[in-house]
Amino acid sequence: MPSQASDKQYTPHQELSFSTPVFHQPNDEIDLKELFLAFWKGKWTIIATTALFSIVAVAYALNAQQWWSSKAQIMPPQLQDISGLSQQIQQFQPIFDIDQGDGTLLKSEELSDFASPDKLFGHFIQEFNSANNKRDFLDSSQDFQQFKVQLEAEAEAEAEAEAETTLWLYAAWFQKISASIVDKNDENSPYELSFQATEKASSYSLINEYIDFISQKLHHDVINNLTAIISTKKQELFQQKTMLELQAKNQLEIEIFRAEYALEIAKAANVTKPIQINDGQQLFNIDMGSLAIEAKIAALKSIKNLDVIAPRLQPINSKLMMLENLTVDNKVEFTSFRFIGDVEKPLTRDKPKRALIAVLGTLLGGILGVAIVLARFVFRKEEDA
């Protein structure tokens, strides 16, 4: 008799369910409750890290080198600012004007740049930004020299190259002195002068001293250039005078030689009084007669003023006489810019931004503390798994 077990029927589903093993998949999701609990347990790590970074940030902010900037805004000078220079130039203008030979004068533009407000202002900005001028000024500044000595002493103590340190120092300070246009899209925009220094008072005094330094140098350059161009013009006039006098002397000698030959011919021809000869191409004119020719020779030999032979000498001699009586005033006063905003002492420091440094240091410490706690939590969770 067959057993009851053999009569039992199995469905495919039941067979599959018995034959298939069951695997438990790991759960990678992070439980927020566990995470918050981990942060709570690691709160002292977060607090300690945040406090440490805050203390370091505050200490750095309090001990970092301070930098202050004094600024001023300037524009090109007005005509009244350069009136003294303009008067100096105008007295020399007739010497440079060109005589066209028909009674009219052509005005020369050689001196125009010296009394141009825009040219003077552009020259001032160029000199203000000149690296050579910055170096010369800094070398004469006590504030910079003290800072330089301190930095070189630190470099020597740290066994750094003193020459490289000095070059870096100059390059860094060159960036702290600048003259730049306020609005690059506006041609009439003012320029801003800026000088950054380690102290509020020194920043204010240094920018004023540097402005005076550049103004004096520009004054010196303008006067020297004006003197040089006048001296060059004087040499040019002397050369023209020498050339014209030489030409006049040669012409006078030729006229005397011709008259003497004409006298000999007139005497040989027994022509004592003027006669009419219908030949205008004679090399030696004897139509004046020997008596008149003798008088002509005497007159030619008595000529001392060569202006009679070369009329172009007259304006040149007049200009040279003017130059003898005119001098460039080295002390003439003029300014190559005008203030539209006076130099003021800085109200706030440029560097360091103490509050910002403290806040950023605190945030960085807090983020690092949270990261440490989070890393511990993840590692422990992996170990438990």
Protein backbone atom coordinates (compact mmCIF):
# COMPACT_ATOMS: atom_id res chain seq x y z
CA MET A 1 0.00 0.00 0.00
CA PRO A 2 1.56 3.25 -1.06
CA SER A 3 2.51 5.61 1.67
CA GLN A 4 0.69 8.85 2.32
CA ALA A 5 3.85 10.78 1.67
CA SER A 6 3.92 9.56 -1.91
CA ASP A 7 0.43 10.88 -2.41
CA LYS A 8 1.38 14.39 -1.39
CA GLN A 9 1.55 16.90 -4.29
CA TYR A 10 4.06 19.80 -4.44
CA THR A 11 3.45 22.98 -6.42
CA PRO A 12 6.33 24.68 -8.38
CA HIS A 13 6.07 27.68 -6.13
CA GLN A 14 6.45 25.61 -3.05
CA GLU A 15 9.41 23.82 -4.53
CA LEU A 16 11.13 27.08 -5.38
CA SER A 17 10.54 28.53 -1.98
CA PHE A 18 12.15 25.57 -0.30
CA SER A 19 15.08 25.35 -2.69
CA THR A 20 16.07 29.03 -2.86
CA PRO A 21 18.36 30.25 -0.02
CA VAL A 22 17.54 33.58 1.67
CA PHE A 23 20.29 36.35 1.75
CA HIS A 24 20.14 39.44 4.04
CA GLN A 25 21.24 42.64 2.11
CA PRO A 26 23.15 45.22 4.19
CA ASN A 27 21.42 48.59 4.74
CA ASP A 28 23.67 51.52 3.70
CA GLU A 29 21.27 54.23 4.81
CA ILE A 30 22.42 56.42 7.70
CA ASP A 31 20.06 56.78 10.57
CA LEU A 32 19.66 60.49 11.35
CA LYS A 33 19.01 59.69 14.95
CA GLU A 34 22.33 57.88 15.19
CA LEU A 35 24.06 60.71 13.37
CA PHE A 36 22.70 63.36 15.73
CA LEU A 37 23.61 61.16 18.66
CA ALA A 38 27.16 60.87 17.28
CA PHE A 39 27.39 64.65 16.97
CA TRP A 40 26.13 64.99 20.54
CA LYS A 41 28.73 62.59 21.81
CA GLY A 42 31.43 64.40 19.84
CA LYS A 43 30.32 67.88 20.85
CA TRP A 44 33.45 68.48 22.89
CA THR A 45 35.61 67.63 19.90
CA ILE A 46 33.68 70.17 17.81
CA ILE A 47 33.81 72.79 20.55
CA ALA A 48 37.54 72.24 21.18
CA THR A 49 38.43 72.42 17.47
CA THR A 50 36.30 75.51 16.96
CA ALA A 51 37.80 77.20 20.02
CA LEU A 52 41.34 76.35 18.96
CA PHE A 53 40.89 77.77 15.47
CA SER A 54 39.13 80.83 16.86
CA ILE A 55 42.01 81.54 19.23
CA VAL A 56 44.58 81.10 16.44
CA ALA A 57 42.57 83.32 14.08
CA VAL A 58 42.14 86.06 16.68
CA ALA A 59 45.81 85.89 17.64
CA TYR A 60 46.83 86.18 13.98
CA ALA A 61 44.41 89.04 13.38
CA LEU A 62 45.76 90.94 16.39
CA ASN A 63 49.43 90.38 15.53
CA ALA A 64 49.38 90.57 11.71
CA GLN A 65 51.02 93.57 10.05
CA GLN A 66 48.57 96.43 9.70
CA TRP A 67 48.20 98.38 6.45
CA TRP A 68 46.51 101.75 6.02
CA SER A 69 45.83 103.67 2.79
CA SER A 70 45.56 107.42 2.37
CA LYS A 71 43.97 108.60 -0.85
CA ALA A 72 43.25 111.76 -2.81
CA GLN A 73 41.54 112.58 -6.11
CA ILE A 74 43.06 114.94 -8.67
CA MET A 75 42.20 116.46 -12.05
CA PRO A 76 44.21 118.33 -14.73
CA PRO A 77 45.21 121.87 -13.69
CA GLN A 78 43.30 124.97 -14.69
CA LEU A 79 44.92 127.82 -16.65
CA GLN A 80 45.34 129.85 -13.48
CA ASP A 81 47.38 127.00 -11.98
CA ILE A 82 49.99 127.28 -14.75
CA SER A 83 49.83 131.03 -15.43
CA GLY A 84 53.39 131.58 -14.21
CA LEU A 85 54.75 128.94 -16.57
CA SER A 86 52.64 130.29 -19.44
CA GLN A 87 54.13 133.76 -18.96
CA GLN A 88 57.62 132.30 -19.05
CA ILE A 89 56.87 130.54 -22.31
CA GLN A 90 55.14 133.48 -23.98
CA GLN A 91 58.20 135.69 -23.62
CA PHE A 92 60.21 133.19 -25.64
CA GLN A 93 57.51 132.51 -28.25
CA PRO A 94 58.63 135.26 -30.74
CA ILE A 95 62.06 133.61 -30.92
CA PHE A 96 60.50 130.38 -32.16
CA ASP A 97 58.03 131.97 -34.61
CA ILE A 98 59.01 131.61 -38.27
CA ASP A 99 59.34 134.65 -40.55
CA GLN A 100 57.85 133.69 -43.91
CA GLY A 101 59.56 136.57 -45.70
CA ASP A 102 56.35 138.36 -46.72
CA GLY A 103 55.84 140.18 -43.45
CA THR A 104 53.84 137.38 -41.80
CA LEU A 105 54.88 135.08 -38.97
CA LEU A 106 54.11 131.39 -38.64
CA LYS A 107 53.57 130.51 -34.97
CA SER A 108 55.74 127.63 -33.80
CA GLU A 109 54.27 124.81 -31.71
CA GLU A 110 57.56 123.77 -30.11
CA LEU A 111 56.67 125.34 -26.77
CA SER A 112 52.98 124.41 -26.75
CA ASP A 113 53.42 121.20 -24.74
CA PHE A 114 55.07 123.04 -21.86
CA ALA A 115 51.91 125.03 -21.10
CA SER A 116 49.35 122.33 -21.91
CA PRO A 117 47.32 121.34 -18.82
CA ASP A 118 46.65 117.86 -20.18
CA LYS A 119 50.32 117.28 -21.05
CA LEU A 120 51.47 118.43 -17.61
CA PHE A 121 48.85 116.28 -15.89
CA GLY A 122 49.78 113.22 -17.95
CA HIS A 123 53.43 113.83 -17.11
CA PHE A 124 52.57 113.97 -13.38
CA ILE A 125 50.65 110.66 -13.50
CA GLN A 126 53.52 109.03 -15.39
CA GLU A 127 56.07 110.27 -12.87
CA PHE A 128 53.85 109.24 -9.94
CA ASN A 129 53.71 105.65 -11.22
CA SER A 130 57.39 105.51 -12.20
CA ALA A 131 59.23 102.65 -10.47
CA ASN A 132 62.44 104.68 -10.40
CA ASN A 133 60.74 107.57 -8.63
CA LYS A 134 59.14 105.20 -6.14
CA ARG A 135 62.52 103.65 -5.39
CA ASP A 136 64.21 107.04 -4.97
CA PHE A 137 61.48 108.21 -2.62
CA LEU A 138 61.45 105.03 -0.54
CA ASP A 139 65.23 105.17 -0.18
CA SER A 140 64.82 108.62 1.39
CA SER A 141 61.90 107.61 3.64
CA GLN A 142 62.67 106.84 7.29
CA ASP A 143 59.47 104.80 7.70
CA PHE A 144 60.39 102.52 4.82
CA GLN A 145 64.00 102.19 5.93
CA GLN A 146 62.92 101.07 9.40
CA PHE A 147 60.58 98.50 7.87
CA LYS A 148 63.36 97.37 5.52
CA VAL A 149 65.90 96.93 8.33
CA GLN A 150 63.42 94.89 10.35
CA LEU A 151 62.59 92.62 7.41
CA GLU A 152 66.26 92.12 6.51
CA ALA A 153 67.02 91.19 10.12
CA GLU A 154 64.24 88.59 10.06
CA ALA A 155 65.54 87.23 6.74
CA GLU A 156 69.07 86.98 8.13
CA ALA A 157 67.80 85.16 11.21
CA GLU A 158 65.97 82.68 8.98
CA ALA A 159 69.02 82.29 6.70
CA GLU A 160 67.18 83.71 3.69
CA ALA A 161 68.86 85.61 0.86
CA GLU A 162 68.96 89.26 1.84
CA ALA A 163 69.15 90.48 -1.79
CA GLU A 164 66.06 88.52 -2.78
CA THR A 165 64.24 89.79 0.28
CA THR A 166 65.10 93.38 -0.61
CA LEU A 167 63.93 92.96 -4.21
CA TRP A 168 60.68 91.42 -3.00
CA LEU A 169 60.23 94.24 -0.51
CA TYR A 170 60.64 96.96 -3.15
CA ALA A 171 58.31 95.17 -5.55
CA ALA A 172 55.68 94.81 -2.83
CA TRP A 173 55.88 98.48 -1.84
CA PHE A 174 55.76 99.62 -5.46
CA GLN A 175 52.28 98.10 -5.61
CA LYS A 176 51.24 100.18 -2.61
CA ILE A 177 51.88 103.48 -4.43
CA SER A 178 49.57 104.11 -7.34
CA ALA A 179 47.76 106.69 -9.46
CA SER A 180 44.81 105.24 -11.36
CA ILE A 181 41.76 106.58 -13.14
CA VAL A 182 38.53 106.24 -11.18
CA ASP A 183 36.26 105.46 -14.15
CA LYS A 184 38.03 103.92 -17.14
CA ASN A 185 34.97 104.51 -19.35
CA ASP A 186 34.99 108.27 -18.72
CA GLU A 187 37.77 110.34 -20.30
CA ASN A 188 37.07 113.19 -17.88
CA SER A 189 37.16 110.96 -14.83
CA PRO A 190 39.48 112.06 -12.00
CA TYR A 191 42.53 110.08 -10.94
CA GLU A 192 42.95 108.60 -7.47
CA LEU A 193 46.30 108.76 -5.71
CA SER A 194 46.90 106.07 -3.09
CA PHE A 195 49.72 105.30 -0.66
CA GLN A 196 49.58 102.30 1.67
CA ALA A 197 51.74 102.17 4.79
CA THR A 198 52.00 100.30 8.06
CA GLU A 199 50.52 103.08 10.20
CA LYS A 200 47.65 105.50 9.80
CA ALA A 201 49.78 108.59 10.44
CA SER A 202 52.66 107.45 8.24
CA SER A 203 50.28 106.68 5.36
CA TYR A 204 48.97 110.24 5.52
CA SER A 205 52.40 111.83 5.76
CA LEU A 206 53.97 109.60 3.10
CA ILE A 207 51.39 110.36 0.43
CA ASN A 208 51.81 114.10 1.03
CA GLU A 209 55.58 113.78 0.93
CA TYR A 210 55.46 111.70 -2.24
CA ILE A 211 53.14 114.19 -3.97
CA ASP A 212 55.58 116.97 -3.07
CA PHE A 213 58.48 114.81 -4.24
CA ILE A 214 56.87 114.20 -7.66
CA SER A 215 55.76 117.84 -7.97
CA GLN A 216 59.31 119.09 -7.35
CA LYS A 217 60.77 116.58 -9.78
CA LEU A 218 58.23 117.52 -12.43
CA HIS A 219 58.94 121.22 -11.85
CA HIS A 220 62.65 120.53 -12.21
CA ASP A 221 62.11 118.50 -15.40
CA VAL A 222 59.86 121.10 -17.02
CA ILE A 223 62.26 123.95 -16.29
CA ASN A 224 65.25 121.92 -17.47
CA ASN A 225 63.47 120.87 -20.65
CA LEU A 226 62.40 124.45 -21.32
CA THR A 227 65.97 125.66 -20.76
CA ALA A 228 67.30 122.91 -23.01
CA ILE A 229 64.96 123.70 -25.91
CA ILE A 230 65.76 127.41 -25.64
CA SER A 231 69.48 126.64 -25.57
CA THR A 232 69.04 124.43 -28.64
CA LYS A 233 67.18 127.23 -30.42
CA LYS A 234 69.95 129.65 -29.52
CA GLN A 235 72.55 127.33 -31.02
CA GLU A 236 70.42 126.97 -34.12
CA LEU A 237 70.20 130.74 -34.52
CA PHE A 238 73.94 131.08 -34.07
CA GLN A 239 74.51 128.50 -36.79
CA GLN A 240 72.12 130.29 -39.13
CA LYS A 241 73.83 133.59 -38.39
CA THR A 242 77.30 132.14 -39.05
CA MET A 243 76.15 130.64 -42.34
CA LEU A 244 74.47 133.84 -43.54
CA GLU A 245 77.44 135.99 -42.50
CA LEU A 246 79.81 133.71 -44.39
CA GLN A 247 77.60 133.92 -47.47
CA ALA A 248 77.38 137.71 -47.11
CA LYS A 249 81.16 138.07 -46.79
CA ASN A 250 81.73 135.93 -49.86
CA GLN A 251 79.18 137.93 -51.79
CA LEU A 252 80.78 141.21 -50.67
CA GLU A 253 84.23 140.08 -51.72
CA ILE A 254 82.92 139.04 -55.14
CA GLU A 255 81.24 142.41 -55.60
CA ILE A 256 84.48 144.22 -54.69
CA PHE A 257 86.50 142.06 -57.12
CA ARG A 258 84.05 142.74 -59.92
CA ALA A 259 84.06 146.46 -59.19
CA GLU A 260 87.87 146.57 -59.18
CA TYR A 261 88.05 144.76 -62.52
CA ALA A 262 85.35 147.06 -63.89
CA LEU A 263 87.39 150.07 -62.70
CA GLU A 264 90.47 148.88 -64.57
CA ILE A 265 88.42 148.33 -67.71
CA ALA A 266 86.71 151.74 -67.40
CA LYS A 267 90.05 153.49 -66.98
CA ALA A 268 91.48 151.66 -69.98
CA ALA A 269 88.43 152.67 -72.00
CA ASN A 270 88.71 156.24 -70.70
CA VAL A 271 85.15 156.05 -69.37
CA THR A 272 85.02 158.44 -66.45
CA LYS A 273 81.35 159.31 -66.42
CA PRO A 274 78.22 157.17 -66.72
CA ILE A 275 77.39 156.01 -70.22
CA GLN A 276 74.49 154.01 -71.63
CA ILE A 277 75.33 150.51 -72.80
CA ASN A 278 72.53 148.38 -74.21
CA ASP A 279 74.03 145.14 -72.93
CA GLY A 280 72.67 143.92 -69.65
CA GLN A 281 74.77 140.75 -69.59
CA GLN A 282 78.20 142.31 -69.07
CA LEU A 283 80.34 140.53 -66.51
CA PHE A 284 81.99 143.81 -65.52
CA ASN A 285 79.70 146.80 -65.79
CA ILE A 286 81.63 149.95 -66.76
CA ASP A 287 78.60 152.04 -67.65
CA MET A 288 78.84 153.81 -64.29
CA GLY A 289 82.17 155.31 -65.23
CA SER A 290 85.45 155.08 -63.35
CA LEU A 291 84.60 157.80 -60.84
CA ALA A 292 81.37 156.08 -59.77
CA ILE A 293 83.03 152.69 -59.70
CA GLU A 294 85.76 154.03 -57.38
CA ALA A 295 83.06 155.35 -55.10
CA LYS A 296 81.30 151.98 -55.19
CA ILE A 297 84.49 150.13 -54.26
CA ALA A 298 85.07 152.48 -51.34
CA ALA A 299 81.51 152.00 -50.16
CA LEU A 300 81.70 148.20 -50.41
CA LYS A 301 84.94 148.10 -48.44
CA SER A 302 83.46 150.28 -45.71
CA ILE A 303 80.50 147.98 -45.05
CA LYS A 304 80.61 146.64 -41.47
CA ASN A 305 76.99 145.61 -41.03
CA LEU A 306 76.41 142.52 -43.14
CA ASP A 307 72.63 142.95 -42.84
CA VAL A 308 72.98 145.25 -45.88
CA ILE A 309 74.17 142.29 -47.96
CA ALA A 310 72.02 139.58 -46.27
CA PRO A 311 68.68 141.00 -45.04
CA ARG A 312 67.80 137.62 -43.47
CA LEU A 313 70.40 138.34 -40.79
CA GLN A 314 68.27 141.06 -39.27
CA PRO A 315 65.51 138.86 -37.71
CA ILE A 316 68.13 136.36 -36.54
CA ASN A 317 70.16 139.07 -34.82
CA SER A 318 66.99 140.43 -33.25
CA LYS A 319 66.12 137.02 -31.80
CA LEU A 320 69.64 136.56 -30.46
CA MET A 321 69.46 139.97 -28.80
CA MET A 322 66.16 138.93 -27.16
CA LEU A 323 67.75 135.75 -25.86
CA GLU A 324 70.57 137.75 -24.29
CA ASN A 325 68.01 139.75 -22.30
CA LEU A 326 65.71 136.86 -21.34
CA THR A 327 66.25 134.15 -18.74
CA VAL A 328 64.18 131.23 -17.51
CA ASP A 329 62.95 131.75 -13.96
CA ASN A 330 63.82 128.53 -12.14
CA LYS A 331 61.54 129.45 -9.25
CA VAL A 332 58.41 130.07 -11.29
CA GLU A 333 55.42 128.56 -9.52
CA PHE A 334 52.92 126.26 -11.22
CA THR A 335 51.05 123.06 -10.43
CA SER A 336 50.48 120.16 -12.79
CA PHE A 337 47.23 119.03 -11.11
CA ARG A 338 44.46 120.23 -8.83
CA PHE A 339 42.82 118.46 -5.93
CA ILE A 340 39.11 117.69 -6.09
CA GLY A 341 39.37 115.66 -2.90
CA ASP A 342 42.04 116.58 -0.38
CA VAL A 343 44.29 113.97 1.17
CA GLU A 344 42.61 112.54 4.24
CA LYS A 345 43.75 110.22 6.97
CA PRO A 346 42.32 106.70 6.60
CA LEU A 347 39.40 105.86 8.86
CA THR A 348 39.70 102.09 8.58
CA ARG A 349 42.64 99.77 7.99
CA ASP A 350 43.01 97.85 4.75
CA LYS A 351 44.61 94.81 6.37
CA PRO A 352 44.08 92.74 8.41
CA LYS A 353 40.28 92.45 8.47
CA ARG A 354 40.19 91.27 12.06
CA ALA A 355 36.48 90.53 12.33
CA LEU A 356 36.48 88.65 9.04
CA ILE A 357 39.56 86.63 10.01
CA ALA A 358 38.01 85.71 13.37
CA VAL A 359 34.71 84.65 11.79
CA LEU A 360 36.42 82.61 9.05
CA GLY A 361 38.72 80.96 11.61
CA THR A 362 35.74 80.03 13.79
CA LEU A 363 33.82 78.63 10.81
CA LEU A 364 36.83 76.65 9.66
CA GLY A 365 37.31 75.20 13.16
CA GLY A 366 33.65 74.26 13.39
CA ILE A 367 33.66 72.60 9.96
CA LEU A 368 36.82 70.67 10.80
CA GLY A 369 35.36 69.53 14.14
CA VAL A 370 32.17 68.32 12.47
CA ALA A 371 34.25 66.53 9.82
CA ILE A 372 36.28 64.72 12.51
CA VAL A 373 33.16 63.56 14.35
CA LEU A 374 31.50 62.49 11.08
CA ALA A 375 34.60 60.49 10.05
CA ARG A 376 34.62 58.66 13.40
CA PHE A 377 30.95 57.85 13.03
CA VAL A 378 31.39 56.39 9.55
CA PHE A 379 34.39 54.26 10.58
CA ARG A 380 32.59 52.87 13.61
CA LYS A 381 29.53 52.05 11.54
CA GLU A 382 31.67 50.12 9.05
CA GLU A 383 33.37 48.22 11.86
CA ASP A 384 30.00 47.29 13.35
CA ALA A 385 28.79 46.07 9.97
